[in-house]
Protein backbone atom coordinates (compact mmCIF):
# COMPACT_ATOMS: atom_id res chain seq x y z
CA MET A 1 117.05 104.72 124.94
CA ARG A 2 113.83 107.18 124.53
CA HIS A 3 113.68 109.04 127.73
CA ARG A 4 111.20 112.16 127.67
CA ILE A 5 110.62 111.69 123.92
CA ASP A 6 107.00 111.60 123.04
CA GLY A 7 105.53 111.11 119.96
CA TYR A 8 106.10 110.36 116.21
CA LYS A 9 108.25 112.72 113.93
CA LEU A 10 108.15 110.13 111.04
CA GLY A 11 110.82 112.60 109.47
CA ARG A 12 108.39 115.70 108.62
CA LEU A 13 107.85 118.87 109.29
CA THR A 14 105.50 119.96 112.15
CA GLN A 15 102.94 121.03 109.63
CA HIS A 16 103.11 118.49 107.21
CA ARG A 17 103.06 115.80 110.12
CA TRP A 18 99.66 117.42 111.10
CA ALA A 19 98.21 117.66 107.30
CA LEU A 20 99.19 114.02 107.21
CA PHE A 21 97.45 113.15 110.77
CA ARG A 22 94.39 114.93 109.62
CA ASN A 23 94.35 112.92 106.20
CA LEU A 24 94.47 109.89 107.92
CA LEU A 25 92.03 110.78 110.36
CA VAL A 26 89.53 111.65 107.85
CA GLY A 27 90.12 108.40 105.67
CA LEU A 28 90.04 105.95 109.25
CA PHE A 29 86.41 107.97 110.03
CA ARG A 30 85.19 108.13 106.13
CA HIS A 31 85.93 104.18 105.35
CA GLU A 32 86.64 102.92 109.21
CA ARG A 33 89.53 101.20 107.73
CA ILE A 34 92.49 102.29 106.05
CA GLU A 35 95.94 100.47 105.20
CA THR A 36 99.19 102.56 105.96
CA THR A 37 102.62 101.97 107.15
CA GLU A 38 103.26 100.82 110.87
CA ALA A 39 104.61 103.97 112.12
CA LYS A 40 102.04 106.36 110.40
CA ALA A 41 98.83 104.28 112.23
CA LYS A 42 100.90 103.86 115.50
CA ALA A 43 100.92 107.52 115.73
CA VAL A 44 97.68 108.43 114.59
CA ARG A 45 95.61 105.82 116.67
CA GLY A 46 95.89 107.94 119.74
CA LEU A 47 94.56 110.80 117.68
CA ALA A 48 91.73 108.78 116.60
CA ASP A 49 90.72 107.45 120.28
CA HIS A 50 90.94 111.13 121.91
CA VAL A 51 88.66 112.03 118.51
CA ILE A 52 86.27 109.66 119.29
CA THR A 53 86.36 110.20 123.16
CA LEU A 54 85.34 113.63 122.41
CA ALA A 55 82.81 112.89 120.41
CA LYS A 56 81.16 110.97 122.88
CA ARG A 57 80.81 114.23 124.78
CA GLU A 58 78.23 115.68 122.41
CA ASN A 59 78.22 119.38 122.91
CA LEU A 60 79.14 121.88 121.05
CA HIS A 61 82.83 122.83 122.09
CA ALA A 62 83.93 118.77 121.91
CA ARG A 63 82.18 118.96 117.79
CA ARG A 64 84.62 122.23 117.86
CA GLN A 65 87.48 120.40 118.89
CA VAL A 66 86.85 117.52 116.66
CA LEU A 67 86.52 120.09 113.65
CA SER A 68 89.89 121.32 114.58
CA LEU A 69 91.67 117.98 113.95
CA VAL A 70 89.20 116.21 111.67
CA PRO A 71 88.46 119.17 108.93
CA ASP A 72 85.38 117.45 106.94
CA ARG A 73 82.37 118.54 108.14
CA GLU A 74 80.54 115.48 106.82
CA VAL A 75 82.82 113.10 108.33
CA VAL A 76 82.35 114.90 111.85
CA GLY A 77 78.84 114.71 111.82
CA ARG A 78 79.00 110.91 110.78
CA ILE A 79 81.40 110.72 113.91
CA PHE A 80 79.27 112.44 116.22
CA ASP A 81 75.92 110.84 115.52
CA THR A 82 76.93 106.61 114.10
CA ILE A 83 80.29 106.10 115.57
CA ALA A 84 80.16 107.66 118.81
CA ALA A 85 76.57 105.91 119.54
CA ARG A 86 78.49 102.84 118.41
CA PHE A 87 80.94 103.55 121.29
CA SER A 88 78.89 104.57 124.08
CA ASP A 89 79.17 101.66 126.39
CA ARG A 90 83.55 101.43 125.81
CA GLN A 91 86.15 102.74 127.80
CA GLY A 92 88.80 103.07 125.40
CA GLY A 93 90.48 101.08 122.74
CA TYR A 94 88.63 102.21 119.82
CA THR A 95 91.04 101.10 116.86
CA ARG A 96 93.31 98.08 116.30
CA LEU A 97 96.35 97.67 114.08
CA ILE A 98 95.94 94.24 112.04
CA LYS A 99 99.70 93.53 110.53
CA THR A 100 99.81 92.81 106.43
CA GLY A 101 103.20 92.30 105.69
CA GLY A 102 105.39 94.46 103.79
CA ARG A 103 104.75 96.87 100.98
CA HIS A 104 105.81 96.04 97.19
CA GLY A 105 108.90 98.16 96.35
CA ASP A 106 110.32 99.35 99.96
CA ALA A 107 108.99 96.33 102.00
CA ALA A 108 108.14 99.00 104.70
CA PRO A 109 105.61 97.15 107.14
CA MET A 110 101.95 97.57 106.10
CA VAL A 111 99.15 97.24 109.07
CA LEU A 112 95.17 97.60 108.67
CA LEU A 113 93.78 100.24 111.02
CA GLU A 114 90.19 99.95 111.88
CA LEU A 115 87.92 100.74 114.10
CA VAL A 116 86.90 97.92 116.42
CA ASP A 117 83.39 97.55 116.43
CA ARG A 118 83.26 97.78 112.35
CA PRO A 119 80.02 96.95 111.00
CA GLU A 120 81.13 93.95 108.09
CA ALA A 121 79.57 94.78 105.02
CA PRO A 122 78.99 91.98 102.92
CA THR A 123 81.69 91.21 100.20
CA ASP A 124 81.14 89.91 96.68
CA GLY A 125 83.89 86.81 98.21
CA ASP A 126 80.05 84.88 99.70
CA LYS A 127 78.60 84.83 95.76
CA LYS A 128 82.23 83.06 94.75
CA GLY A 129 82.40 80.91 97.83
CA GLU A 130 79.28 78.99 96.58
CA LYS A 131 80.64 76.83 93.62
CA LYS A 132 79.01 74.56 91.52
CA GLU A 133 78.86 70.78 91.81
CA LYS A 134 81.26 69.34 89.10
CA ALA A 135 80.53 65.92 87.31
CA PRO A 136 82.02 62.88 89.10
CA LYS A 137 85.72 62.12 87.76
CA ALA A 138 85.74 58.47 86.50
CA GLU A 139 87.89 56.13 88.08
CA LYS A 140 91.63 56.01 86.74
CA GLY A 141 91.39 52.63 84.84
CA GLN A 142 88.63 53.63 82.93
CA ALA A 143 89.77 57.18 81.90
CA GLY A 144 93.39 56.09 80.76
CA ALA A 145 91.94 52.91 78.89
CA GLY A 146 88.76 55.05 76.95
CA GLY A 147 91.46 57.65 75.93
CA LYS A 148 93.93 54.90 74.32
CA LYS A 149 91.02 52.81 72.80
CA LYS A 150 89.64 56.15 70.91
CA LYS A 151 92.78 56.99 69.18
CA ARG A 152 93.51 53.30 68.24
CA GLU A 153 90.19 53.38 66.39
CA LYS A 154 90.80 57.00 65.08
CA ALA A 155 94.18 55.55 63.99
CA ALA A 156 92.82 52.16 62.51
CA ALA A 157 89.84 54.44 60.68
CA ALA A 158 92.15 56.54 59.04
CA SER A 159 94.85 54.23 57.57
CA ALA A 160 91.98 52.04 56.02
């Protein structure tokens, strides 16, 4: 039983673990979606929610607290300007985990950690979805007979 055991150690020293969390937070708020292992995502999602809650306060003290967790000034500005405004009416639950299967190599369970109200960017897949119309196929009897007939004609012409 895990009574009174809080947090995820992830097999790392404290400083290494916090550096990992900071890097994951920067990546999450920069791209609004990251792919990582399930354990790392579960460990960092509480911090991500806390950062957004701090950013919703919009004061200097909150900005300095967020800067202690997210060491990139450009990303912190983005958190306070766009991300906190997007979640202004939401009371919590700013992130979601989507399982993507096992990682090639060690079969570690991988997940997508993303912000809930992430704007969907148009992808190139929409252009690929529009397929050109194909020419109608000939009926089964016509295609086979025509092909054999042409081969016979060519064979007869070659032998003559």
